[in-house]
Protein backbone atom coordinates (compact mmCIF):
# COMPACT_ATOMS: atom_id res chain seq x y z
CA MET A 1 -4.57 -14.29 -3.96
CA ASP A 2 -4.42 -13.47 -0.24
CA PRO A 3 -3.48 -10.01 1.10
CA TYR A 4 -0.01 -11.12 2.19
CA THR A 5 0.85 -12.38 -1.28
CA HIS A 6 -0.44 -9.13 -2.78
CA ARG A 7 1.87 -7.16 -0.48
CA ARG A 8 4.87 -9.32 -1.30
CA SER A 9 4.13 -8.91 -5.01
CA ALA A 10 3.75 -5.16 -4.58
CA ARG A 11 7.08 -4.84 -2.79
CA ALA A 12 8.86 -6.83 -5.50
CA LEU A 13 7.23 -4.79 -8.26
CA GLU A 14 8.11 -1.54 -6.51
CA ALA A 15 11.73 -2.66 -6.10
CA ASN A 16 11.85 -3.35 -9.84
CA GLY A 17 10.48 0.10 -10.67
CA ASP A 18 6.89 -0.83 -11.55
CA LEU A 19 5.16 1.54 -9.15
CA GLU A 20 1.79 1.54 -10.90
CA GLU A 21 1.41 -2.23 -10.70
CA ALA A 22 2.72 -2.19 -7.12
CA LEU A 23 0.03 0.31 -6.14
CA SER A 24 -2.67 -1.95 -7.54
CA HIS A 25 -1.37 -4.87 -5.44
CA TYR A 26 -1.21 -2.76 -2.26
CA LYS A 27 -4.80 -1.66 -2.88
CA ALA A 28 -5.87 -5.26 -3.57
CA ALA A 29 -4.29 -6.36 -0.28
CA LEU A 30 -6.23 -3.67 1.57
CA ALA A 31 -9.47 -4.58 -0.21
CA LEU A 32 -9.10 -8.07 1.22
CA ASP A 33 -7.94 -6.94 4.66
CA PRO A 34 -8.50 -3.24 5.44
CA GLU A 35 -6.68 -3.64 8.76
CA TYR A 36 -3.46 -4.97 7.18
CA HIS A 37 -1.31 -2.16 8.53
CA PHE A 38 1.93 -3.14 6.79
CA ALA A 39 0.23 -2.94 3.39
CA ARG A 40 -1.38 0.37 4.38
CA ARG A 41 1.97 1.81 5.45
CA ASP A 42 3.68 0.58 2.27
CA LEU A 43 0.89 2.05 0.13
CA GLY A 44 1.37 5.39 1.88
CA VAL A 45 5.11 5.32 1.22
CA ALA A 46 4.58 4.38 -2.43
CA LEU A 47 2.04 7.18 -2.92
CA ALA A 48 4.40 9.68 -1.30
CA SER A 49 7.20 8.63 -3.64
CA ARG A 50 4.85 9.41 -6.52
CA GLY A 51 4.20 12.88 -5.08
CA GLU A 52 0.68 12.16 -3.79
CA ARG A 53 1.48 13.35 -0.29
CA LYS A 54 -2.03 14.22 0.88
CA GLU A 55 -3.38 10.80 -0.12
CA ALA A 56 -0.23 9.15 1.25
CA MET A 57 -0.74 10.62 4.71
CA ARG A 58 -4.22 9.08 4.98
CA HIS A 59 -2.86 5.55 5.02
CA PRO A 60 -0.38 5.61 7.92
CA ALA A 61 -2.80 7.82 9.86
CA HIS A 62 -5.46 5.11 9.47
CA CYS A 63 -3.11 2.68 11.21
CA LEU A 64 -3.09 4.93 14.27
CA ASN A 65 -6.75 5.93 14.20
CA PRO A 66 -8.90 3.45 12.21
CA VAL A 67 -12.22 4.80 11.01
């Protein structure tokens, strides 16, 4: 599966309330393309909604300042 399909799957899963599976698809998308900023942003938002704010902030910040 390509990173774009992983992100689309993650968004659909998240919309249907399956946050855990969505997180795994966001992470899979980023494993395939670490510079896929939309997936990184969405992962950050999903982590924040789960209360993992410190980890969530890493992802959008990476979009602005890649390491």
